Protein backbone atom coordinates (compact mmCIF):
# COMPACT_ATOMS: atom_id res chain seq x y z
CA MET A 1 10.14 -26.54 0.45
CA LYS A 2 6.80 -27.41 2.03
CA LYS A 3 5.44 -23.97 1.17
CA ILE A 4 6.65 -24.25 -2.42
CA LEU A 5 4.98 -27.66 -2.83
CA PHE A 6 1.79 -26.23 -1.37
CA SER A 7 1.90 -23.38 -3.87
CA ILE A 8 2.37 -25.82 -6.77
CA ALA A 9 -0.51 -27.94 -5.55
CA PHE A 10 -2.62 -24.81 -5.31
CA LEU A 11 -1.90 -23.97 -8.94
CA LEU A 12 -2.97 -27.40 -10.19
CA VAL A 13 -6.57 -26.66 -9.28
CA ILE A 14 -6.72 -23.26 -11.00
CA PRO A 15 -8.79 -23.48 -14.21
CA GLY A 16 -7.94 -21.60 -17.38
CA PHE A 17 -4.23 -21.52 -16.71
CA GLY A 18 -2.67 -19.04 -19.16
CA GLN A 19 0.66 -17.68 -20.30
CA ASN A 20 1.91 -14.43 -18.82
CA TYR A 21 3.61 -11.80 -20.93
CA THR A 22 5.79 -9.10 -19.35
CA ALA A 23 7.22 -6.00 -21.02
CA ARG A 24 8.55 -2.60 -20.05
CA LEU A 25 7.23 0.75 -21.28
CA LEU A 26 9.87 3.36 -22.12
CA ASP A 27 9.74 7.01 -23.18
CA ALA A 28 10.84 7.06 -26.82
CA SER A 29 12.60 10.42 -26.39
CA ASN A 30 14.79 9.67 -23.37
CA GLY A 31 14.53 5.94 -22.62
CA GLU A 32 13.07 6.52 -19.15
CA PRO A 33 10.47 4.05 -17.81
CA VAL A 34 6.82 5.12 -18.06
CA PRO A 35 4.88 4.37 -14.85
CA PHE A 36 1.11 4.10 -14.42
CA ALA A 37 0.24 3.68 -18.10
CA THR A 38 -3.08 1.96 -18.79
CA ILE A 39 -2.84 -1.32 -20.73
CA LYS A 40 -6.29 -2.20 -22.06
CA THR A 41 -6.81 -5.89 -22.89
CA GLY A 42 -10.57 -5.83 -23.52
CA THR A 43 -13.80 -4.16 -22.48
CA ASP A 44 -13.36 -3.16 -18.83
CA ARG A 45 -10.24 -5.35 -18.72
CA GLY A 46 -6.58 -4.53 -18.37
CA THR A 47 -3.80 -3.53 -16.02
CA ILE A 48 -1.37 -0.69 -15.36
CA SER A 49 2.41 -0.37 -15.54
CA ASN A 50 4.24 -0.28 -12.22
CA GLU A 51 6.65 2.41 -10.99
CA GLU A 52 9.46 0.80 -13.02
CA GLY A 53 7.39 0.77 -16.22
CA TYR A 54 6.72 -2.99 -16.26
CA PHE A 55 3.34 -4.60 -16.91
CA THR A 56 2.20 -8.23 -16.99
CA ILE A 57 -0.84 -9.66 -18.78
CA ASP A 58 -2.32 -13.09 -19.46
CA ILE A 59 -1.70 -13.37 -23.19
CA GLY A 60 -3.99 -16.37 -23.49
CA THR A 61 -7.08 -14.24 -22.86
CA LEU A 62 -6.31 -11.59 -25.49
CA GLU A 63 -8.31 -11.06 -28.66
CA ALA A 64 -6.55 -10.71 -32.02
CA SER A 65 -6.77 -6.94 -31.73
CA GLY A 66 -4.20 -7.14 -28.92
CA ILE A 67 -3.59 -4.41 -26.37
CA GLU A 68 -4.00 -0.63 -26.28
CA ILE A 69 -1.57 1.44 -24.18
CA SER A 70 -2.42 4.96 -23.09
CA CYS A 71 -0.70 7.33 -20.68
CA MET A 72 -0.92 11.02 -19.82
CA GLY A 73 1.36 12.98 -22.14
CA TYR A 74 1.88 10.16 -24.68
CA ARG A 75 0.28 9.04 -27.90
CA THR A 76 -1.93 5.96 -27.59
CA THR A 77 -0.15 2.83 -28.86
CA ALA A 78 -1.75 -0.39 -30.10
CA VAL A 79 0.10 -3.72 -30.28
CA GLN A 80 -1.47 -6.75 -31.97
CA THR A 81 -1.50 -10.04 -30.09
CA GLY A 82 0.72 -11.74 -32.68
CA LYS A 83 3.50 -9.23 -32.00
CA LEU A 84 3.57 -9.88 -28.26
CA SER A 85 6.38 -12.38 -27.93
CA ALA A 86 9.43 -13.10 -25.79
CA SER A 87 11.52 -11.00 -28.18
CA LEU A 88 9.42 -7.88 -27.52
CA THR A 89 10.50 -6.97 -24.00
CA GLU A 90 10.36 -3.18 -24.41
CA ILE A 91 7.67 -0.96 -25.92
CA SER A 92 8.40 2.71 -26.67
CA LEU A 93 5.75 5.38 -26.18
CA GLU A 94 5.92 8.59 -28.19
CA PRO A 95 5.45 11.82 -26.23
CA ALA A 96 2.56 13.90 -27.58
CA ALA A 97 3.53 17.46 -28.53
CA ILE A 98 0.75 19.86 -27.58
CA ASN A 99 0.09 23.28 -29.03
CA LEU A 100 -1.65 25.37 -26.38
CA ASN A 101 -3.70 27.16 -29.07
CA GLU A 102 -5.26 23.82 -30.02
CA VAL A 103 -6.87 23.39 -26.62
CA GLN A 104 -8.02 26.92 -25.88
CA LEU A 105 -11.79 27.10 -25.74
CA SER A 106 -11.74 30.88 -26.14
CA ASN A 107 -9.33 33.58 -27.30
CA ARG A 108 -7.32 33.48 -24.08
CA ILE A 109 -5.37 31.06 -21.92
CA PRO A 110 -7.82 28.99 -19.83
CA ASP A 111 -8.46 30.39 -16.38
CA ALA A 112 -7.77 27.76 -13.69
CA ASP A 113 -10.64 28.88 -11.44
CA GLU A 114 -13.10 28.67 -14.33
CA ILE A 115 -11.93 25.16 -15.19
CA ILE A 116 -12.36 24.05 -11.55
CA ALA A 117 -15.86 25.58 -11.49
CA ASN A 118 -16.75 23.56 -14.62
CA VAL A 119 -15.37 20.40 -13.00
CA ARG A 120 -17.62 20.94 -9.96
CA ASP A 121 -20.67 21.66 -12.14
CA ARG A 122 -20.23 18.45 -14.15
CA LEU A 123 -19.42 15.99 -11.35
CA LYS A 124 -22.80 14.24 -11.46
CA VAL A 125 -22.79 14.11 -15.27
CA ASN A 126 -19.25 12.75 -15.54
CA TYR A 127 -19.22 10.30 -12.64
CA GLY A 128 -22.85 9.27 -12.24
CA LEU A 129 -23.87 6.73 -9.63
CA VAL A 130 -21.37 4.79 -7.54
CA GLN A 131 -20.45 1.44 -9.05
CA PRO A 132 -22.12 -1.25 -6.86
CA ALA A 133 -19.52 -4.01 -7.31
CA TYR A 134 -15.82 -4.20 -8.14
CA GLU A 135 -13.16 -6.73 -9.01
CA LEU A 136 -10.01 -5.67 -7.14
CA PHE A 137 -6.31 -6.39 -7.06
CA TYR A 138 -4.52 -4.94 -4.03
CA ARG A 139 -0.83 -4.77 -3.13
CA LYS A 140 0.76 -3.46 0.06
CA SER A 141 4.51 -3.00 0.52
CA GLU A 142 5.52 -2.21 4.10
CA TYR A 143 8.96 -1.14 5.34
CA MET A 144 10.50 -0.29 8.69
CA GLN A 145 13.73 1.64 9.10
CA PHE A 146 15.39 2.09 12.51
CA ASP A 147 17.65 5.07 13.14
CA ASP A 148 18.27 4.20 16.78
CA LEU A 149 17.51 1.18 18.95
CA ASP A 150 19.00 0.99 22.43
CA LEU A 151 18.32 -2.02 24.64
CA GLU A 152 20.04 -1.75 27.99
CA LEU A 153 19.90 -3.69 31.24
CA GLU A 154 20.06 -0.94 33.87
CA LYS A 155 19.75 -2.78 37.17
CA ALA A 156 19.44 -6.38 38.32
CA SER A 157 19.26 -7.36 42.00
CA ASP A 158 19.71 -11.06 41.22
CA LEU A 159 22.49 -10.96 38.60
CA ASN A 160 26.25 -10.62 39.04
CA ARG A 161 28.38 -8.32 36.89
CA ARG A 162 29.32 -11.04 34.41
CA GLU A 163 25.66 -12.05 33.89
CA ILE A 164 24.66 -8.41 33.41
CA GLU A 165 27.41 -7.92 30.81
CA ALA A 166 26.31 -11.09 29.00
CA ALA A 167 22.67 -9.97 28.93
CA ASP A 168 23.69 -6.48 27.77
CA LYS A 169 25.77 -7.97 24.96
CA GLU A 170 22.83 -10.08 23.76
CA LEU A 171 20.49 -7.10 23.90
CA GLN A 172 22.91 -4.95 21.93
CA GLY A 173 23.30 -7.74 19.40
CA LEU A 174 19.52 -7.85 18.98
CA GLY A 175 19.43 -4.07 18.50
CA ASP A 176 22.21 -4.13 15.90
CA ALA A 177 20.52 -6.98 14.00
CA ILE A 178 17.19 -5.12 13.91
CA ILE A 179 18.76 -1.87 12.70
CA ALA A 180 20.53 -3.73 9.88
CA SER A 181 17.53 -5.91 9.01
CA GLU A 182 15.72 -3.66 6.48
CA ALA A 183 12.48 -5.42 7.38
CA LYS A 184 9.95 -5.65 4.51
CA ASP A 185 6.56 -7.23 4.01
CA PHE A 186 4.53 -7.62 0.79
CA LEU A 187 0.84 -8.54 0.64
CA ASP A 188 -1.12 -9.21 -2.57
CA PHE A 189 -4.77 -10.14 -2.76
CA LYS A 190 -7.55 -10.30 -5.32
CA GLY A 191 -11.24 -10.19 -4.53
CA LEU A 192 -14.77 -9.02 -5.25
CA LEU A 193 -16.35 -6.14 -3.34
CA ARG A 194 -19.98 -5.09 -3.41
CA ILE A 195 -21.02 -1.84 -1.72
CA ASP A 196 -24.75 -1.47 -1.11
CA SER A 197 -24.61 1.53 1.25
CA ASP A 198 -22.29 3.35 3.63
CA THR A 199 -22.95 0.65 6.23
CA ALA A 200 -23.57 -2.47 4.11
CA SER A 201 -20.92 -4.16 1.97
CA THR A 202 -19.70 -7.66 1.08
CA PHE A 203 -16.15 -8.75 0.27
CA ARG A 204 -15.07 -12.10 -1.16
CA MET A 205 -11.37 -12.81 -1.18
CA GLN A 206 -10.35 -14.97 -4.14
CA ARG A 207 -6.62 -15.32 -3.55
CA ALA A 208 -3.96 -13.83 -1.27
CA THR A 209 -0.20 -14.18 -0.97
CA GLN A 210 2.23 -12.72 1.54
CA LEU A 211 5.98 -12.30 1.20
CA THR A 212 7.35 -11.95 4.69
CA ASP A 213 10.17 -13.08 6.94
CA SER A 214 8.72 -14.07 10.31
CA LYS A 215 12.20 -13.74 11.84
CA LYS A 216 12.14 -10.06 10.92
CA ASN A 217 8.80 -9.21 12.50
CA TYR A 218 10.04 -6.05 14.17
CA SER A 219 6.88 -4.39 15.36
CA THR A 220 7.40 -2.55 18.67
CA ASP A 221 5.56 -5.35 20.49
CA LYS A 222 7.78 -8.03 18.92
CA ILE A 223 10.98 -6.14 19.74
CA GLN A 224 9.90 -5.81 23.36
CA GLU A 225 8.94 -9.50 23.45
CA ARG A 226 12.35 -10.62 22.15
CA ALA A 227 14.16 -8.38 24.61
CA GLN A 228 12.09 -9.88 27.42
CA GLN A 229 13.11 -13.35 26.28
CA ILE A 230 16.80 -12.42 26.58
CA ILE A 231 16.36 -11.01 30.07
CA LEU A 232 14.24 -13.90 31.30
CA SER A 233 16.83 -16.38 30.02
CA HIS A 234 19.22 -14.99 32.68
CA LEU A 235 16.69 -15.17 35.52
CA ASP A 236 15.42 -17.98 37.73
CA SER A 237 13.53 -20.35 35.43
CA THR A 238 11.49 -21.71 38.37
CA GLN A 239 9.90 -18.33 39.09
CA THR A 240 7.30 -16.18 37.38
CA TYR A 241 7.59 -12.43 36.96
CA LYS A 242 5.40 -9.36 36.88
CA VAL A 243 6.33 -6.85 34.15
CA LYS A 244 5.65 -3.13 34.63
CA THR A 245 6.45 0.09 32.81
CA GLY A 246 6.15 3.15 35.00
CA ILE A 247 2.88 2.79 36.85
CA PHE A 248 1.37 0.46 34.23
CA LYS A 249 1.34 -3.31 34.61
CA ILE A 250 1.95 -5.17 31.32
CA GLU A 251 2.17 -8.81 32.43
CA ASP A 252 1.04 -10.26 35.74
CA SER A 253 2.67 -13.67 35.64
CA ILE A 254 5.15 -14.33 32.83
CA SER A 255 7.46 -17.33 33.02
CA LEU A 256 10.58 -18.40 31.13
CA LYS A 257 8.63 -21.22 29.48
CA GLU A 258 5.89 -18.88 28.28
CA ALA A 259 8.41 -16.36 26.97
CA PHE A 260 10.03 -18.91 24.67
CA GLU A 261 6.86 -20.53 23.36
CA GLU A 262 6.96 -19.48 19.70
CA SER A 263 3.65 -19.01 17.94
CA LYS A 264 3.54 -20.52 14.46
CA PRO A 265 3.06 -18.08 11.56
CA SER A 266 -0.61 -18.06 10.64
CA ASP A 267 -1.71 -19.21 7.19
CA SER A 268 -4.87 -17.13 7.42
CA MET A 269 -5.87 -13.51 7.82
CA GLU A 270 -8.89 -11.62 9.12
CA LEU A 271 -11.24 -10.92 6.21
CA LYS A 272 -12.31 -7.63 7.77
CA TYR A 273 -8.67 -6.42 7.56
CA LEU A 274 -8.50 -7.05 3.80
CA LYS A 275 -11.94 -5.52 3.31
CA LYS A 276 -11.00 -2.43 5.33
CA LYS A 277 -7.84 -1.95 3.27
CA SER A 278 -9.82 -2.14 0.00
CA MET A 279 -12.57 0.22 1.07
CA SER A 280 -10.12 2.71 2.56
CA LEU A 281 -8.40 3.11 -0.81
CA LEU A 282 -11.66 3.20 -2.77
CA LYS A 283 -12.84 6.03 -0.54
CA ILE A 284 -9.98 8.19 -1.87
CA ALA A 285 -11.57 8.12 -5.36
CA SER A 286 -14.98 9.21 -4.04
CA TRP A 287 -16.65 12.52 -4.88
CA LYS A 288 -18.93 12.41 -1.83
CA PRO A 289 -19.16 15.42 0.52
CA GLU A 290 -16.03 15.85 2.65
CA SER A 291 -14.07 13.42 0.46
CA ARG A 292 -10.45 14.23 -0.32
CA LEU A 293 -10.93 14.79 -4.06
CA LEU A 294 -13.93 17.04 -3.50
CA ASN A 295 -11.89 19.06 -0.98
CA PHE A 296 -9.31 19.63 -3.73
CA LEU A 297 -12.08 21.41 -5.69
CA ASP A 298 -12.92 23.75 -2.80
CA GLY A 299 -11.78 27.23 -3.79
CA ASP A 300 -11.98 28.39 -0.17
CA LEU A 301 -9.31 25.83 0.77
CA TYR A 302 -7.08 25.80 -2.31
CA SER A 303 -5.61 28.17 -4.90
CA TYR A 304 -5.27 26.99 -8.53
CA SER A 305 -2.88 27.68 -11.38
CA PHE A 306 -2.72 26.61 -15.02
CA LYS A 307 0.45 24.52 -15.45
CA LYS A 308 0.30 23.16 -18.99
CA ALA A 309 -1.77 21.45 -21.65
CA THR A 310 -1.13 17.77 -22.25
CA TYR A 311 -2.67 14.79 -23.99
CA PHE A 312 -4.37 11.54 -22.98
CA ASN A 313 -5.93 8.84 -25.14
CA GLY A 314 -6.88 11.15 -27.99
CA ASN A 315 -8.13 13.99 -25.79
CA TYR A 316 -6.59 17.29 -24.79
CA VAL A 317 -6.09 17.76 -21.09
CA TYR A 318 -5.51 20.73 -18.77
CA ALA A 319 -2.99 20.23 -15.96
CA LEU A 320 -3.94 22.41 -12.98
CA GLY A 321 -1.76 22.87 -9.92
CA PHE A 322 -3.30 23.40 -6.49
CA ILE A 323 -1.78 24.66 -3.23
CA PRO A 324 -3.27 25.38 0.22
CA ARG A 325 -5.09 28.69 0.62
CA ARG A 326 -6.14 28.04 4.23
CA SER A 327 -4.16 26.57 7.11
CA LYS A 328 -6.47 23.53 7.37
CA ALA A 329 -5.71 22.58 3.75
CA LYS A 330 -2.76 20.17 3.82
CA PHE A 331 -2.06 19.03 0.28
CA THR A 332 -0.53 20.26 -2.95
CA GLY A 333 -0.67 18.55 -6.31
CA THR A 334 -1.96 18.43 -9.90
CA LEU A 335 -5.41 17.74 -11.36
CA TYR A 336 -5.55 16.58 -14.99
CA VAL A 337 -8.86 17.73 -16.50
CA ASP A 338 -10.36 16.74 -19.85
CA ALA A 339 -10.56 19.94 -21.95
CA ILE A 340 -13.96 19.07 -23.45
CA ASN A 341 -16.11 17.55 -20.69
CA PHE A 342 -14.15 18.79 -17.63
CA ALA A 343 -13.77 15.38 -16.01
CA VAL A 344 -10.80 14.83 -13.69
CA LEU A 345 -8.84 12.01 -15.34
CA LYS A 346 -6.00 11.89 -12.84
CA ALA A 347 -5.07 13.47 -9.51
CA ASP A 348 -1.61 13.56 -7.94
CA TYR A 349 -1.26 14.92 -4.40
CA GLU A 350 1.10 15.04 -1.44
CA TYR A 351 1.59 16.97 1.78
CA ALA A 352 2.42 20.60 1.11
CA LYS A 353 5.67 21.99 2.52
CA GLY A 354 5.49 22.25 6.31
CA LYS A 355 2.31 20.14 6.53
CA GLU A 356 1.98 16.93 8.53
CA GLY A 357 -0.75 14.51 9.45
CA GLN A 358 -1.69 12.92 12.73
CA LYS A 359 0.65 13.76 15.62
CA VAL A 360 1.03 12.47 19.17
CA ASN A 361 3.75 14.01 21.33
CA LEU A 362 3.93 12.58 24.85
CA LYS A 363 7.71 12.25 24.75
CA LEU A 364 8.31 13.76 28.19
CA LEU A 365 5.27 12.28 29.92
CA LEU A 366 5.04 8.73 28.50
CA GLY A 367 8.09 8.50 26.21
CA ILE A 368 5.97 8.36 23.04
CA LYS A 369 6.09 10.50 19.90
CA PHE A 370 4.37 9.80 16.59
CA ILE A 371 4.20 11.97 13.44
CA GLU A 372 2.65 11.12 10.08
CA ASN A 373 5.25 12.86 7.91
CA LEU A 374 4.57 11.34 4.47
CA HIS A 375 1.29 11.13 2.59
CA ARG A 376 1.04 11.15 -1.18
CA GLY A 377 -1.22 9.53 -3.70
CA THR A 378 -2.43 9.11 -7.27
CA VAL A 379 -5.96 8.43 -8.52
CA ILE A 380 -6.69 7.54 -12.16
CA PHE A 381 -10.17 7.36 -13.67
CA GLN A 382 -11.20 5.52 -16.83
CA LYS A 383 -14.15 6.19 -19.11
CA ASP A 384 -16.57 3.27 -19.46
CA ILE A 385 -18.77 2.31 -22.43
CA GLU A 386 -21.58 4.51 -21.07
CA GLY A 387 -19.33 7.57 -21.03
CA LEU A 388 -19.00 7.69 -17.23
CA TYR A 389 -15.68 7.90 -15.40
CA LYS A 390 -14.90 5.14 -12.90
CA PRO A 391 -11.90 4.73 -10.59
CA TYR A 392 -9.30 2.51 -12.26
CA PHE A 393 -6.13 2.81 -10.20
CA ILE A 394 -5.31 4.21 -6.76
CA GLN A 395 -1.94 4.55 -5.09
CA ARG A 396 -1.31 5.74 -1.55
CA GLN A 397 2.04 6.14 0.23
CA MET A 398 2.18 6.89 3.93
CA GLY A 399 5.11 7.25 6.30
CA ASN A 400 5.47 7.82 10.04
CA TYR A 401 8.16 8.87 12.49
CA ILE A 402 8.09 6.84 15.72
CA TYR A 403 9.86 7.50 19.02
CA LEU A 404 9.27 5.12 21.92
CA HIS A 405 11.18 5.18 25.21
CA ARG A 406 10.12 3.10 28.17
CA SER A 407 11.65 1.49 31.20
CA LEU A 408 10.50 -2.08 31.91
CA LYS A 409 10.73 -3.61 35.35
CA PHE A 410 10.65 -7.38 36.04
CA ILE A 411 9.52 -8.19 39.58
CA GLU A 412 9.85 -11.75 40.84
CA ASN A 413 6.59 -13.17 42.20
CA SER A 414 8.18 -14.32 45.46
CA ALA A 415 8.70 -13.12 49.00
CA SER A 416 12.08 -11.61 48.05
CA ARG A 417 10.55 -9.68 45.08
CA LYS A 418 13.87 -9.49 43.22
CA LYS A 419 13.87 -6.84 40.47
CA VAL A 420 15.44 -6.31 37.08
CA ARG A 421 15.09 -3.01 35.22
CA PHE A 422 15.46 -2.79 31.46
CA ASP A 423 15.56 0.38 29.30
CA PHE A 424 14.01 0.29 25.84
CA LEU A 425 14.48 3.16 23.33
CA LEU A 426 13.34 2.97 19.72
CA GLU A 427 13.48 5.69 17.08
CA GLY A 428 12.74 5.15 13.44
CA GLY A 429 10.07 5.19 10.81
CA THR A 430 7.59 3.10 8.90
CA ARG A 431 6.53 3.43 5.28
CA GLU A 432 3.60 1.81 3.53
CA ASN A 433 2.87 1.80 -0.20
CA GLU A 434 -0.57 0.60 -1.32
CA LEU A 435 -1.83 -0.02 -4.86
CA LEU A 436 -5.37 -0.85 -5.97
CA LEU A 437 -6.35 -1.90 -9.51
CA ILE A 438 -10.11 -1.64 -9.98
CA ARG A 439 -12.46 -3.09 -12.57
CA PRO A 440 -16.27 -3.26 -12.65
CA ALA A 441 -17.55 -6.65 -11.55
CA SER A 442 -19.81 -8.53 -13.94
CA THR A 443 -23.54 -8.79 -13.32
CA ASP A 444 -23.10 -12.44 -12.31
CA GLN A 445 -20.29 -11.59 -9.87
CA SER A 446 -22.37 -8.82 -8.31
CA ALA A 447 -25.38 -11.12 -7.91
CA GLU A 448 -23.15 -13.84 -6.46
CA LEU A 449 -22.07 -11.49 -3.68
CA LEU A 450 -25.67 -10.91 -2.62
CA ALA A 451 -25.89 -14.47 -1.30
CA TYR A 452 -22.29 -14.70 -0.08
CA LYS A 453 -21.67 -15.04 3.65
CA GLU A 454 -18.35 -13.57 4.76
CA PRO A 455 -16.08 -15.86 6.82
CA LYS A 456 -14.04 -14.43 9.70
CA LYS A 457 -10.73 -15.63 8.25
CA VAL A 458 -9.44 -16.44 4.78
CA PRO A 459 -6.39 -18.49 3.67
CA VAL A 460 -3.16 -16.69 2.73
CA ILE A 461 -0.31 -18.36 0.83
CA LYS A 462 2.87 -17.53 2.77
CA LEU A 463 5.92 -17.28 0.53
CA THR A 464 9.65 -17.08 1.18
CA GLN A 465 10.30 -15.74 -2.32
CA TYR A 466 8.19 -14.31 -5.12
CA GLU A 467 6.46 -16.97 -7.25
CA PRO A 468 4.89 -15.43 -10.37
CA THR A 469 3.14 -18.66 -11.36
CA ILE A 470 0.65 -18.21 -8.51
CA TRP A 471 -0.84 -15.22 -10.37
CA GLN A 472 -0.36 -16.73 -13.84
CA ASP A 473 -4.06 -16.58 -14.71
CA SER A 474 -4.71 -13.04 -13.45
CA GLU A 475 -4.17 -9.51 -14.69
CA ILE A 476 -2.26 -7.96 -11.81
CA ILE A 477 0.18 -5.12 -11.23
CA ALA A 478 3.66 -6.36 -12.10
CA PRO A 479 5.95 -6.72 -9.07
CA LEU A 480 8.82 -4.32 -8.52
CA GLN A 481 12.36 -5.68 -8.67
CA GLU A 482 12.60 -5.61 -4.86
CA MET A 483 9.75 -8.14 -4.70
CA LYS A 484 11.44 -10.39 -7.25
CA ASN A 485 14.68 -10.20 -5.24
CA PHE A 486 13.00 -10.99 -1.90
CA ARG A 487 14.40 -14.09 -0.19
CA VAL A 488 14.03 -15.48 3.31
CA SER A 489 17.33 -16.90 4.52
CA GLU A 490 17.16 -20.33 6.11
């Protein structure tokens, strides 16, 4: 209740409070949701539909002309402001039928390698200089899924059989609860970012919210900490203990009191963390040397094929598939290229079959194995009033397999040096989905950042359930149903 009251109080000081409008985009031919469609609400303003086809806008800021909706493969649709009402909850988009002959620039089917060569030749013309300042909306959804979690008390020189069985039962209960927890965490933030060079940048966070359940913080460190609490609760509370794993010392003098001192959830976050997340995603949309998108245009690394012709916002578009040609190329995907000026409008990519990312396999030596087994993304560019293409939306999904097996030993800091050994085995995976909506910052916003001094930490509104009113005055990416359903049990 305290957090809800805080959120309401926070809203009372937000100027220009508007009225949000939410609708869902559907394919007129089959009724399926249309994800990642651009909803333009003004010059350099707008949002994008989420994976379920929903979008949300502040209707109070719209002009009479209303909104313009465009999406790859569909006809552009305009809806006047007066027609956007509570009764209009679904908007149908008509697929655009394309005749391949209409988009041929010669008497033959376009050659994929020639199209890619034209894309490379026109990069500087189509994308120009890097935008110095951006207005950003970022969302991260993080999940952890456990396939196996064994917590076992192996040996205890100071516990009888009944105490060992009781401790084992508690540990197993913790393991079962963690496996069934379906731990999730959602972070939203909005801010301004100015990039002056590769080494100089300024970020100003304007608002941040986090949907999380502190009781389900199941990082490997937290799991180990909670298991330690269970074991220590069965030991001599007057003593302190040294904790070791193998030959490595973890804690030198941990006591029962220290183990059960709960740290309060922080209402702030390191600014450099939010800044790093923003810049990491923006880097994906870069055409600088060695960047991911530029690598996709390297004919020595990738082979190309013509997949189809499609349509976007009044322009014909070539869809080109790419697959690895060399072993060091890891991705496969599709590049959507404007048929007239050869600008890449959209890129979809993912790990090719049999490809993986970073790997650490010390399973036998240190009981650790880590594999990045999921990496996919989407980048969408939008043409500005000067005819240059700027990054508009970036999505990145990453997933990892984690195996961790260690034996922890508690050694009493006394003459008797009584010992307790605990076995910890975790196997599971993490998944992270990041979204970034990007708009050019105004001249005033960019100038404002020049004099801004970054703080170390910034406030974050911690929520136990999704509260849409907090973002009432902002054009953001609509939340998925799982965010709307999120609840922290008391």
